[in-house]
Amino acid sequence: MVRMATITAIAVTVLLAVTACLTPLTSQQPLKPVPVPGSPLVGVYEPGVPGSWAGVAEFTGATGVQPAIVVYYSPWNDPFAASFARTAWDHHAYTLVQLEPDGVSLAAVAAGGSDAYLRSYADGVAAFGHPVIVSFGHEMNGTWYPWGYGHVPPATFVAAWRHVVRVFRAEGAVNVTWLWTVNSVNGASGSLRQWWPGAAWVDWTGVDGYYFRSTDTFGSVLGSTIAGIRAISGAPLLVAETAVGTTANRERQIDGLFAGVRAERLAGVVWFDEAQHAGLYHQDWRLEDDAAARAAFTLAVATHLGPGDSHA
């Protein structure tokens, strides 16, 4: 009986070891946020995510650049897209979720009215087990979103932000990197500081800004906003949404964008790769539609950022 029990114990141990090698248990992995990158990360947003990876694959094939961050925009009450996050992780990319509080009162969120949803979302992120970047209510210093300037008092936004973070932390979703994302002050209103939740509630900061005209430069589009953010926080700073429009010197501006990211020692830059065709502020940002711009992008990444970081 002793010999049989010993053999059984050894067999179980071997089986567990083999199984662990094949499918590591998320519960055994310590939950960690995204580490501060040693060099700027390159990210992308593609239409169709998180339902499909096809656009990201096409972008990678066309540019030769493997994104280290992939973004999707998550409407309120939608669950965490765990399958997409797993696909991104398998392609050595972090998922960045822009959690959009549309159709909900921020005052109600701050008061706990969405806690059941937030707990469920947080549980999904924690169960995923790998680092995830989450931004809540991005571009709140602009007027175009119902959670932003002119629609919601900054103090209400701050209260909602802190409550969302508090719920996630209470659920054990410590693998979240909290990204506070503002719009370039060139296209927004009000001071940045009034929207700031505080260092205890933010891990990374972010800025969104686009090159609409041929005269736009890194300094004019992003420079003053970066300076304003750094007056508030010393956290890693990400260009969370950007692109260069179909300008007369698009290739030079693309090079300038990446040169600026390197010079400012930013955490990374996310290219918004969508063809919008809807006026000055919604141009064809898609690199696949412009061979010269695509080549400039590939060269700029190699020249200014090098191979970049990704998770192991």
C-alpha atoms as a PDB file:
ATOM      1  CA  MET A   1       0.000   0.000   0.000  1.00  0.00           C
ATOM      2  CA  VAL A   2       2.849   2.354   0.832  1.00  0.00           C
ATOM      3  CA  ARG A   3       4.590   1.559  -2.483  1.00  0.00           C
ATOM      4  CA  MET A   4       1.361   2.102  -4.450  1.00  0.00           C
ATOM      5  CA  ALA A   5       0.687   5.399  -2.672  1.00  0.00           C
ATOM      6  CA  THR A   6       4.227   6.545  -3.422  1.00  0.00           C
ATOM      7  CA  ILE A   7       3.941   5.682  -7.106  1.00  0.00           C
ATOM      8  CA  THR A   8       0.578   7.434  -7.299  1.00  0.00           C
ATOM      9  CA  ALA A   9       1.991  10.542  -5.657  1.00  0.00           C
ATOM     10  CA  ILE A  10       4.913  10.613  -8.101  1.00  0.00           C
ATOM     11  CA  ALA A  11       2.557  10.177 -11.060  1.00  0.00           C
ATOM     12  CA  VAL A  12       0.359  13.014  -9.887  1.00  0.00           C
ATOM     13  CA  THR A  13       3.410  15.234  -9.389  1.00  0.00           C
ATOM     14  CA  VAL A  14       4.669  14.513 -12.905  1.00  0.00           C
ATOM     15  CA  LEU A  15       1.224  15.087 -14.406  1.00  0.00           C
ATOM     16  CA  LEU A  16       0.905  18.413 -12.657  1.00  0.00           C
ATOM     17  CA  ALA A  17       4.357  19.451 -13.803  1.00  0.00           C
ATOM     18  CA  VAL A  18       3.646  18.533 -17.415  1.00  0.00           C
ATOM     19  CA  THR A  19       0.244  20.190 -17.348  1.00  0.00           C
ATOM     20  CA  ALA A  20       1.748  23.341 -15.867  1.00  0.00           C
ATOM     21  CA  CYS A  21       4.284  23.446 -18.684  1.00  0.00           C
ATOM     22  CA  LEU A  22       1.569  23.138 -21.299  1.00  0.00           C
ATOM     23  CA  THR A  23      -1.015  25.500 -19.826  1.00  0.00           C
ATOM     24  CA  PRO A  24       0.331  27.702 -17.011  1.00  0.00           C
ATOM     25  CA  LEU A  25      -2.309  28.411 -14.410  1.00  0.00           C
ATOM     26  CA  THR A  26      -3.161  32.099 -14.252  1.00  0.00           C
ATOM     27  CA  SER A  27      -3.889  31.763 -10.550  1.00  0.00           C
ATOM     28  CA  GLN A  28      -0.268  30.752  -9.946  1.00  0.00           C
ATOM     29  CA  GLN A  29       1.145  33.776 -11.737  1.00  0.00           C
ATOM     30  CA  PRO A  30       1.641  36.950  -9.693  1.00  0.00           C
ATOM     31  CA  LEU A  31      -0.456  39.774 -11.082  1.00  0.00           C
ATOM     32  CA  LYS A  32       1.720  42.673 -12.171  1.00  0.00           C
ATOM     33  CA  PRO A  33       1.152  45.933 -14.087  1.00  0.00           C
ATOM     34  CA  VAL A  34       3.007  46.863 -17.261  1.00  0.00           C
ATOM     35  CA  PRO A  35       6.671  47.494 -16.441  1.00  0.00           C
ATOM     36  CA  VAL A  36       8.154  50.839 -17.385  1.00  0.00           C
ATOM     37  CA  PRO A  37       9.611  50.230 -20.864  1.00  0.00           C
ATOM     38  CA  GLY A  38      13.316  50.633 -21.458  1.00  0.00           C
ATOM     39  CA  SER A  39      12.602  52.198 -24.850  1.00  0.00           C
ATOM     40  CA  PRO A  40       9.389  53.637 -26.329  1.00  0.00           C
ATOM     41  CA  LEU A  41       6.690  51.145 -27.283  1.00  0.00           C
ATOM     42  CA  VAL A  42       4.876  51.364 -30.621  1.00  0.00           C
ATOM     43  CA  GLY A  43       1.144  50.730 -30.514  1.00  0.00           C
ATOM     44  CA  VAL A  44      -1.770  50.729 -32.913  1.00  0.00           C
ATOM     45  CA  TYR A  45      -5.533  51.044 -33.065  1.00  0.00           C
ATOM     46  CA  GLU A  46      -7.295  49.214 -35.891  1.00  0.00           C
ATOM     47  CA  PRO A  47     -11.005  49.303 -36.781  1.00  0.00           C
ATOM     48  CA  GLY A  48     -12.709  46.021 -36.061  1.00  0.00           C
ATOM     49  CA  VAL A  49     -11.036  45.377 -32.712  1.00  0.00           C
ATOM     50  CA  PRO A  50     -11.683  43.696 -30.374  1.00  0.00           C
ATOM     51  CA  GLY A  51     -13.832  41.480 -32.593  1.00  0.00           C
ATOM     52  CA  SER A  52     -11.039  40.736 -35.041  1.00  0.00           C
ATOM     53  CA  TRP A  53      -7.249  40.682 -35.104  1.00  0.00           C
ATOM     54  CA  ALA A  54      -7.158  40.946 -38.911  1.00  0.00           C
ATOM     55  CA  GLY A  55      -6.495  44.697 -39.039  1.00  0.00           C
ATOM     56  CA  VAL A  56      -3.592  44.430 -36.609  1.00  0.00           C
ATOM     57  CA  ALA A  57      -2.114  41.584 -38.640  1.00  0.00           C
ATOM     58  CA  GLU A  58      -2.452  43.634 -41.836  1.00  0.00           C
ATOM     59  CA  PHE A  59      -0.784  46.630 -40.198  1.00  0.00           C
ATOM     60  CA  THR A  60       2.100  44.457 -39.015  1.00  0.00           C
ATOM     61  CA  GLY A  61       2.547  42.914 -42.433  1.00  0.00           C
ATOM     62  CA  ALA A  62       2.410  46.255 -44.247  1.00  0.00           C
ATOM     63  CA  THR A  63       4.753  48.201 -41.955  1.00  0.00           C
ATOM     64  CA  GLY A  64       7.011  45.435 -40.672  1.00  0.00           C
ATOM     65  CA  VAL A  65       6.389  46.839 -37.174  1.00  0.00           C
ATOM     66  CA  GLN A  66       5.063  44.447 -34.538  1.00  0.00           C
ATOM     67  CA  PRO A  67       2.960  46.578 -32.180  1.00  0.00           C
ATOM     68  CA  ALA A  68       3.704  46.256 -28.490  1.00  0.00           C
ATOM     69  CA  ILE A  69       0.364  47.887 -27.562  1.00  0.00           C
ATOM     70  CA  VAL A  70      -3.036  47.336 -29.164  1.00  0.00           C
ATOM     71  CA  VAL A  71      -5.982  49.567 -28.290  1.00  0.00           C
ATOM     72  CA  TYR A  72      -9.690  49.015 -28.236  1.00  0.00           C
ATOM     73  CA  TYR A  73     -12.522  51.268 -27.095  1.00  0.00           C
ATOM     74  CA  SER A  74     -14.865  49.627 -24.606  1.00  0.00           C
ATOM     75  CA  PRO A  75     -18.451  50.963 -24.353  1.00  0.00           C
ATOM     76  CA  TRP A  76     -19.954  51.080 -20.886  1.00  0.00           C
ATOM     77  CA  ASN A  77     -21.510  47.781 -19.774  1.00  0.00           C
ATOM     78  CA  ASP A  78     -19.517  45.761 -22.323  1.00  0.00           C
ATOM     79  CA  PRO A  79     -17.429  43.040 -20.641  1.00  0.00           C
ATOM     80  CA  PHE A  80     -13.663  42.871 -20.784  1.00  0.00           C
ATOM     81  CA  ALA A  81     -12.589  41.398 -24.145  1.00  0.00           C
ATOM     82  CA  ALA A  82     -10.489  38.597 -22.677  1.00  0.00           C
ATOM     83  CA  SER A  83     -10.172  36.659 -25.933  1.00  0.00           C
ATOM     84  CA  PHE A  84      -8.768  39.703 -27.724  1.00  0.00           C
ATOM     85  CA  ALA A  85      -6.402  40.404 -24.848  1.00  0.00           C
ATOM     86  CA  ARG A  86      -5.169  36.810 -25.027  1.00  0.00           C
ATOM     87  CA  THR A  87      -4.557  37.131 -28.769  1.00  0.00           C
ATOM     88  CA  ALA A  88      -2.671  40.370 -28.192  1.00  0.00           C
ATOM     89  CA  TRP A  89      -0.581  38.747 -25.468  1.00  0.00           C
ATOM     90  CA  ASP A  90       0.218  35.830 -27.762  1.00  0.00           C
ATOM     91  CA  HIS A  91       1.473  38.413 -30.280  1.00  0.00           C
ATOM     92  CA  HIS A  92       3.690  40.015 -27.602  1.00  0.00           C
ATOM     93  CA  ALA A  93       1.458  43.068 -27.184  1.00  0.00           C
ATOM     94  CA  TYR A  94      -0.204  44.691 -24.194  1.00  0.00           C
ATOM     95  CA  THR A  95      -3.896  45.516 -24.419  1.00  0.00           C
ATOM     96  CA  LEU A  96      -4.882  49.136 -23.807  1.00  0.00           C
ATOM     97  CA  VAL A  97      -8.577  49.521 -22.982  1.00  0.00           C
ATOM     98  CA  GLN A  98     -10.200  52.923 -23.376  1.00  0.00           C
ATOM     99  CA  LEU A  99     -13.124  52.437 -20.986  1.00  0.00           C
ATOM    100  CA  GLU A 100     -15.785  54.901 -22.122  1.00  0.00           C
ATOM    101  CA  PRO A 101     -18.450  55.981 -19.607  1.00  0.00           C
ATOM    102  CA  ASP A 102     -21.064  56.732 -22.258  1.00  0.00           C
ATOM    103  CA  GLY A 103     -24.737  56.637 -21.329  1.00  0.00           C
ATOM    104  CA  VAL A 104     -24.002  56.742 -17.608  1.00  0.00           C
ATOM    105  CA  SER A 105     -23.820  59.533 -15.053  1.00  0.00           C
ATOM    106  CA  LEU A 106     -20.334  60.034 -13.654  1.00  0.00           C
ATOM    107  CA  ALA A 107     -21.903  61.168 -10.400  1.00  0.00           C
ATOM    108  CA  ALA A 108     -23.714  57.839 -10.255  1.00  0.00           C
ATOM    109  CA  VAL A 109     -20.488  55.973 -11.020  1.00  0.00           C
ATOM    110  CA  ALA A 110     -18.751  57.829  -8.196  1.00  0.00           C
ATOM    111  CA  ALA A 111     -21.621  56.959  -5.862  1.00  0.00           C
ATOM    112  CA  GLY A 112     -21.345  53.240  -6.610  1.00  0.00           C
ATOM    113  CA  GLY A 113     -24.186  52.896  -9.101  1.00  0.00           C
ATOM    114  CA  SER A 114     -22.087  50.859 -11.537  1.00  0.00           C
ATOM    115  CA  ASP A 115     -20.207  48.769  -9.012  1.00  0.00           C
ATOM    116  CA  ALA A 116     -21.643  45.428 -10.150  1.00  0.00           C
ATOM    117  CA  TYR A 117     -20.457  46.103 -13.694  1.00  0.00           C
ATOM    118  CA  LEU A 118     -17.073  47.385 -12.564  1.00  0.00           C
ATOM    119  CA  ARG A 119     -16.517  44.375 -10.307  1.00  0.00           C
ATOM    120  CA  SER A 120     -17.334  42.034 -13.176  1.00  0.00           C
ATOM    121  CA  TYR A 121     -14.962  43.904 -15.481  1.00  0.00           C
ATOM    122  CA  ALA A 122     -12.221  43.909 -12.875  1.00  0.00           C
ATOM    123  CA  ASP A 123     -12.679  40.188 -12.282  1.00  0.00           C
ATOM    124  CA  GLY A 124     -12.277  39.583 -16.014  1.00  0.00           C
ATOM    125  CA  VAL A 125      -9.060  41.583 -16.116  1.00  0.00           C
ATOM    126  CA  ALA A 126      -7.695  39.811 -13.046  1.00  0.00           C
ATOM    127  CA  ALA A 127      -8.620  36.395 -14.462  1.00  0.00           C
ATOM    128  CA  PHE A 128      -6.729  37.237 -17.656  1.00  0.00           C
ATOM    129  CA  GLY A 129      -3.662  37.323 -15.456  1.00  0.00           C
ATOM    130  CA  HIS A 130      -1.356  39.493 -17.563  1.00  0.00           C
ATOM    131  CA  PRO A 131      -0.714  43.247 -17.526  1.00  0.00           C
ATOM    132  CA  VAL A 132      -3.470  45.424 -19.004  1.00  0.00           C
ATOM    133  CA  ILE A 133      -3.495  49.205 -19.490  1.00  0.00           C
ATOM    134  CA  VAL A 134      -6.854  50.815 -18.666  1.00  0.00           C
ATOM    135  CA  SER A 135      -7.845  54.415 -19.329  1.00  0.00           C
ATOM    136  CA  PHE A 136     -11.172  55.742 -18.048  1.00  0.00           C
ATOM    137  CA  GLY A 137     -12.946  58.682 -19.706  1.00  0.00           C
ATOM    138  CA  HIS A 138     -10.150  59.738 -22.051  1.00  0.00           C
ATOM    139  CA  GLU A 139      -9.930  63.280 -23.452  1.00  0.00           C
ATOM    140  CA  MET A 140     -12.057  64.599 -20.611  1.00  0.00           C
ATOM    141  CA  ASN A 141     -10.561  68.081 -21.088  1.00  0.00           C
ATOM    142  CA  GLY A 142     -12.323  68.322 -24.460  1.00  0.00           C
ATOM    143  CA  THR A 143     -15.967  69.161 -25.109  1.00  0.00           C
ATOM    144  CA  TRP A 144     -16.888  66.324 -27.512  1.00  0.00           C
ATOM    145  CA  TYR A 145     -17.561  63.530 -25.008  1.00  0.00           C
ATOM    146  CA  PRO A 146     -20.459  63.552 -22.526  1.00  0.00           C
ATOM    147  CA  TRP A 147     -18.034  62.895 -19.672  1.00  0.00           C
ATOM    148  CA  GLY A 148     -15.844  65.871 -20.583  1.00  0.00           C
ATOM    149  CA  TYR A 149     -15.461  69.622 -20.234  1.00  0.00           C
ATOM    150  CA  GLY A 150     -18.713  71.543 -20.256  1.00  0.00           C
ATOM    151  CA  HIS A 151     -20.732  68.426 -19.480  1.00  0.00           C
ATOM    152  CA  VAL A 152     -19.324  67.205 -16.168  1.00  0.00           C
ATOM    153  CA  PRO A 153     -17.577  69.190 -13.415  1.00  0.00           C
ATOM    154  CA  PRO A 154     -13.923  68.190 -13.109  1.00  0.00           C
ATOM    155  CA  ALA A 155     -14.443  67.270  -9.450  1.00  0.00           C
ATOM    156  CA  THR A 156     -17.109  64.759 -10.486  1.00  0.00           C
ATOM    157  CA  PHE A 157     -14.788  63.210 -13.040  1.00  0.00           C
ATOM    158  CA  VAL A 158     -12.039  62.918 -10.427  1.00  0.00           C
ATOM    159  CA  ALA A 159     -14.441  61.280  -7.949  1.00  0.00           C
ATOM    160  CA  ALA A 160     -15.587  58.795 -10.597  1.00  0.00           C
ATOM    161  CA  TRP A 161     -11.998  58.001 -11.637  1.00  0.00           C
ATOM    162  CA  ARG A 162     -10.942  57.314  -8.057  1.00  0.00           C
ATOM    163  CA  HIS A 163     -13.988  55.155  -7.438  1.00  0.00           C
ATOM    164  CA  VAL A 164     -13.346  53.035 -10.542  1.00  0.00           C
ATOM    165  CA  VAL A 165      -9.740  52.476  -9.496  1.00  0.00           C
ATOM    166  CA  ARG A 166     -10.824  51.693  -5.939  1.00  0.00           C
ATOM    167  CA  VAL A 167     -13.263  49.008  -7.132  1.00  0.00           C
ATOM    168  CA  PHE A 168     -10.666  47.359  -9.367  1.00  0.00           C
ATOM    169  CA  ARG A 169      -8.122  47.298  -6.576  1.00  0.00           C
ATOM    170  CA  ALA A 170     -10.647  45.847  -4.150  1.00  0.00           C
ATOM    171  CA  GLU A 171     -11.302  43.052  -6.652  1.00  0.00           C
ATOM    172  CA  GLY A 172      -7.610  42.253  -6.815  1.00  0.00           C
ATOM    173  CA  ALA A 173      -7.047  43.522 -10.386  1.00  0.00           C
ATOM    174  CA  VAL A 174      -3.560  44.716  -9.561  1.00  0.00           C
ATOM    175  CA  ASN A 175      -2.381  43.848 -13.085  1.00  0.00           C
ATOM    176  CA  VAL A 176      -3.941  47.109 -14.313  1.00  0.00           C
ATOM    177  CA  THR A 177      -1.774  50.056 -15.288  1.00  0.00           C
ATOM    178  CA  TRP A 178      -4.025  53.110 -14.908  1.00  0.00           C
ATOM    179  CA  LEU A 179      -3.550  55.557 -17.773  1.00  0.00           C
ATOM    180  CA  TRP A 180      -4.909  59.110 -17.391  1.00  0.00           C
ATOM    181  CA  THR A 181      -5.357  60.405 -20.939  1.00  0.00           C
ATOM    182  CA  VAL A 182      -5.970  64.032 -21.902  1.00  0.00           C
ATOM    183  CA  ASN A 183      -6.356  65.658 -25.287  1.00  0.00           C
ATOM    184  CA  SER A 184      -3.739  68.053 -26.626  1.00  0.00           C
ATOM    185  CA  VAL A 185      -4.450  71.432 -25.072  1.00  0.00           C
ATOM    186  CA  ASN A 186      -4.401  72.930 -28.573  1.00  0.00           C
ATOM    187  CA  GLY A 187      -7.810  71.414 -29.174  1.00  0.00           C
ATOM    188  CA  ALA A 188      -9.254  71.354 -25.678  1.00  0.00           C
ATOM    189  CA  SER A 189     -10.430  73.671 -22.939  1.00  0.00           C
ATOM    190  CA  GLY A 190      -9.631  74.257 -19.301  1.00  0.00           C
ATOM    191  CA  SER A 191      -6.515  73.545 -17.267  1.00  0.00           C
ATOM    192  CA  LEU A 192      -5.234  69.996 -16.968  1.00  0.00           C
ATOM    193  CA  ARG A 193      -4.700  70.089 -13.228  1.00  0.00           C
ATOM    194  CA  GLN A 194      -8.415  70.301 -12.421  1.00  0.00           C
ATOM    195  CA  TRP A 195      -8.920  66.855 -14.008  1.00  0.00           C
ATOM    196  CA  TRP A 196      -5.994  65.234 -12.189  1.00  0.00           C
ATOM    197  CA  PRO A 197      -7.041  62.391  -9.828  1.00  0.00           C
ATOM    198  CA  GLY A 198      -3.760  62.409  -7.922  1.00  0.00           C
ATOM    199  CA  ALA A 199      -0.576  60.353  -8.053  1.00  0.00           C
ATOM    200  CA  ALA A 200      -2.020  57.603  -5.858  1.00  0.00           C
ATOM    201  CA  TRP A 201      -4.657  56.901  -8.515  1.00  0.00           C
ATOM    202  CA  VAL A 202      -2.627  57.090 -11.732  1.00  0.00           C
ATOM    203  CA  ASP A 203       0.247  54.902 -12.992  1.00  0.00           C
ATOM    204  CA  TRP A 204       0.862  56.388 -16.455  1.00  0.00           C
ATOM    205  CA  THR A 205      -0.231  59.606 -18.107  1.00  0.00           C
ATOM    206  CA  GLY A 206      -1.236  60.026 -21.737  1.00  0.00           C
ATOM    207  CA  VAL A 207      -1.924  62.596 -24.426  1.00  0.00           C
ATOM    208  CA  ASP A 208      -3.939  62.395 -27.654  1.00  0.00           C
ATOM    209  CA  GLY A 209      -3.137  64.728 -30.530  1.00  0.00           C
ATOM    210  CA  TYR A 210      -3.087  64.700 -34.334  1.00  0.00           C
ATOM    211  CA  TYR A 211      -1.198  66.382 -37.148  1.00  0.00           C
ATOM    212  CA  PHE A 212      -4.024  67.975 -39.146  1.00  0.00           C
ATOM    213  CA  ARG A 213      -2.040  70.480 -41.238  1.00  0.00           C
ATOM    214  CA  SER A 214       1.301  70.489 -43.028  1.00  0.00           C
ATOM    215  CA  THR A 215       2.587  73.137 -40.597  1.00  0.00           C
ATOM    216  CA  ASP A 216       2.018  70.961 -37.526  1.00  0.00           C
ATOM    217  CA  THR A 217       5.074  69.791 -35.599  1.00  0.00           C
ATOM    218  CA  PHE A 218       5.681  67.618 -32.567  1.00  0.00           C
ATOM    219  CA  GLY A 219       6.122  70.743 -30.501  1.00  0.00           C
ATOM    220  CA  SER A 220       2.955  72.459 -31.698  1.00  0.00           C
ATOM    221  CA  VAL A 221       0.760  69.357 -31.451  1.00  0.00           C
ATOM    222  CA  LEU A 222       2.068  67.715 -28.296  1.00  0.00           C
ATOM    223  CA  GLY A 223       4.849  69.795 -26.752  1.00  0.00           C
ATOM    224  CA  SER A 224       2.903  72.156 -24.516  1.00  0.00           C
ATOM    225  CA  THR A 225       0.600  69.374 -23.328  1.00  0.00           C
ATOM    226  CA  ILE A 226       3.542  67.157 -22.419  1.00  0.00           C
ATOM    227  CA  ALA A 227       5.015  70.063 -20.454  1.00  0.00           C
ATOM    228  CA  GLY A 228       1.684  70.608 -18.701  1.00  0.00           C
ATOM    229  CA  ILE A 229       1.375  66.944 -17.765  1.00  0.00           C
ATOM    230  CA  ARG A 230       4.921  66.819 -16.455  1.00  0.00           C
ATOM    231  CA  ALA A 231       4.205  69.820 -14.250  1.00  0.00           C
ATOM    232  CA  ILE A 232       1.623  67.579 -12.552  1.00  0.00           C
ATOM    233  CA  SER A 233       3.172  64.127 -12.694  1.00  0.00           C
ATOM    234  CA  GLY A 234       6.469  62.356 -13.187  1.00  0.00           C
ATOM    235  CA  ALA A 235       4.773  59.130 -14.263  1.00  0.00           C
ATOM    236  CA  PRO A 236       5.602  57.462 -17.597  1.00  0.00           C
ATOM    237  CA  LEU A 237       3.917  59.382 -20.419  1.00  0.00           C
ATOM    238  CA  LEU A 238       2.371  57.747 -23.488  1.00  0.00           C
ATOM    239  CA  VAL A 239       1.118  59.321 -26.714  1.00  0.00           C
ATOM    240  CA  ALA A 240      -2.061  57.279 -26.507  1.00  0.00           C
ATOM    241  CA  GLU A 241      -3.620  58.310 -29.819  1.00  0.00           C
ATOM    242  CA  THR A 242      -2.033  60.090 -32.759  1.00  0.00           C
ATOM    243  CA  ALA A 243      -1.521  60.068 -36.516  1.00  0.00           C
ATOM    244  CA  VAL A 244      -0.388  62.349 -39.316  1.00  0.00           C
ATOM    245  CA  GLY A 245      -3.009  63.326 -41.869  1.00  0.00           C
ATOM    246  CA  THR A 246      -2.700  63.443 -45.633  1.00  0.00           C
ATOM    247  CA  THR A 247      -0.611  66.606 -45.562  1.00  0.00           C
ATOM    248  CA  ALA A 248       1.864  67.943 -48.113  1.00  0.00           C
ATOM    249  CA  ASN A 249       4.850  66.794 -46.054  1.00  0.00           C
ATOM    250  CA  ARG A 250       3.406  63.765 -44.301  1.00  0.00           C
ATOM    251  CA  GLU A 251       6.613  61.730 -44.435  1.00  0.00           C
ATOM    252  CA  ARG A 252       8.679  64.449 -42.749  1.00  0.00           C
ATOM    253  CA  GLN A 253       6.046  64.899 -40.056  1.00  0.00           C
ATOM    254  CA  ILE A 254       5.996  61.158 -39.346  1.00  0.00           C
ATOM    255  CA  ASP A 255       9.750  61.249 -38.832  1.00  0.00           C
ATOM    256  CA  GLY A 256       9.354  64.269 -36.558  1.00  0.00           C
ATOM    257  CA  LEU A 257       6.724  62.483 -34.494  1.00  0.00           C
ATOM    258  CA  PHE A 258       9.006  59.586 -33.651  1.00  0.00           C
ATOM    259  CA  ALA A 259      12.019  61.819 -33.176  1.00  0.00           C
ATOM    260  CA  GLY A 260       9.981  63.749 -30.626  1.00  0.00           C
ATOM    261  CA  VAL A 261       8.894  60.618 -28.802  1.00  0.00           C
ATOM    262  CA  ARG A 262      12.526  59.604 -28.440  1.00  0.00           C
ATOM    263  CA  ALA A 263      13.751  63.076 -27.465  1.00  0.00           C
ATOM    264  CA  GLU A 264      11.069  63.428 -24.786  1.00  0.00           C
ATOM    265  CA  ARG A 265      11.798  59.927 -23.443  1.00  0.00           C
ATOM    266  CA  LEU A 266       8.171  58.904 -23.664  1.00  0.00           C
ATOM    267  CA  ALA A 267       6.816  55.475 -22.792  1.00  0.00           C
ATOM    268  CA  GLY A 268       5.525  55.016 -26.321  1.00  0.00           C
ATOM    269  CA  VAL A 269       3.233  56.141 -29.112  1.00  0.00           C
ATOM    270  CA  VAL A 270      -0.002  54.649 -30.467  1.00  0.00           C
ATOM    271  CA  TRP A 271      -0.887  55.181 -34.135  1.00  0.00           C
ATOM    272  CA  PHE A 272      -4.612  55.562 -34.922  1.00  0.00           C
ATOM    273  CA  ASP A 273      -4.731  53.581 -38.172  1.00  0.00           C
ATOM    274  CA  GLU A 274      -8.205  54.354 -39.485  1.00  0.00           C
ATOM    275  CA  ALA A 275      -9.409  55.906 -42.744  1.00  0.00           C
ATOM    276  CA  GLN A 276     -12.126  58.343 -41.712  1.00  0.00           C
ATOM    277  CA  HIS A 277     -12.541  60.622 -44.765  1.00  0.00           C
ATOM    278  CA  ALA A 278     -14.642  63.166 -42.883  1.00  0.00           C
ATOM    279  CA  GLY A 279     -12.949  66.550 -43.054  1.00  0.00           C
ATOM    280  CA  LEU A 280      -9.897  68.146 -41.490  1.00  0.00           C
ATOM    281  CA  TYR A 281     -10.253  66.533 -38.081  1.00  0.00           C
ATOM    282  CA  HIS A 282     -11.160  63.083 -39.395  1.00  0.00           C
ATOM    283  CA  GLN A 283      -8.726  62.355 -42.220  1.00  0.00           C
ATOM    284  CA  ASP A 284      -7.405  59.144 -43.742  1.00  0.00           C
ATOM    285  CA  TRP A 285      -4.864  58.256 -41.066  1.00  0.00           C
ATOM    286  CA  ARG A 286      -4.406  54.732 -42.405  1.00  0.00           C
ATOM    287  CA  LEU A 287      -0.826  53.938 -43.422  1.00  0.00           C
ATOM    288  CA  GLU A 288      -1.823  51.091 -45.720  1.00  0.00           C
ATOM    289  CA  ASP A 289      -3.431  53.646 -48.072  1.00  0.00           C
ATOM    290  CA  ASP A 290      -0.172  55.582 -48.628  1.00  0.00           C
ATOM    291  CA  ALA A 291       2.990  53.727 -49.641  1.00  0.00           C
ATOM    292  CA  ALA A 292       5.275  56.715 -48.993  1.00  0.00           C
ATOM    293  CA  ALA A 293       3.833  57.333 -45.534  1.00  0.00           C
ATOM    294  CA  ARG A 294       4.039  53.645 -44.734  1.00  0.00           C
ATOM    295  CA  ALA A 295       7.719  53.558 -45.684  1.00  0.00           C
ATOM    296  CA  ALA A 296       8.361  56.709 -43.653  1.00  0.00           C
ATOM    297  CA  PHE A 297       6.676  55.131 -40.617  1.00  0.00           C
ATOM    298  CA  THR A 298       8.779  51.973 -40.850  1.00  0.00           C
ATOM    299  CA  LEU A 299      11.988  53.967 -41.261  1.00  0.00           C
ATOM    300  CA  ALA A 300      11.128  56.361 -38.423  1.00  0.00           C
ATOM    301  CA  VAL A 301      10.451  53.538 -35.989  1.00  0.00           C
ATOM    302  CA  ALA A 302      13.749  51.842 -36.876  1.00  0.00           C
ATOM    303  CA  THR A 303      15.704  55.096 -36.782  1.00  0.00           C
ATOM    304  CA  HIS A 304      14.370  56.651 -33.622  1.00  0.00           C
ATOM    305  CA  LEU A 305      12.981  53.833 -31.498  1.00  0.00           C
ATOM    306  CA  GLY A 306      14.891  50.732 -32.516  1.00  0.00           C
ATOM    307  CA  PRO A 307      13.408  47.282 -31.876  1.00  0.00           C
ATOM    308  CA  GLY A 308      11.509  48.473 -28.801  1.00  0.00           C
ATOM    309  CA  ASP A 309      10.250  46.418 -25.853  1.00  0.00           C
ATOM    310  CA  SER A 310       7.476  43.882 -25.486  1.00  0.00           C
ATOM    311  CA  HIS A 311       6.597  41.330 -22.892  1.00  0.00           C
ATOM    312  CA  ALA A 312       8.664  38.151 -22.859  1.00  0.00           C
END
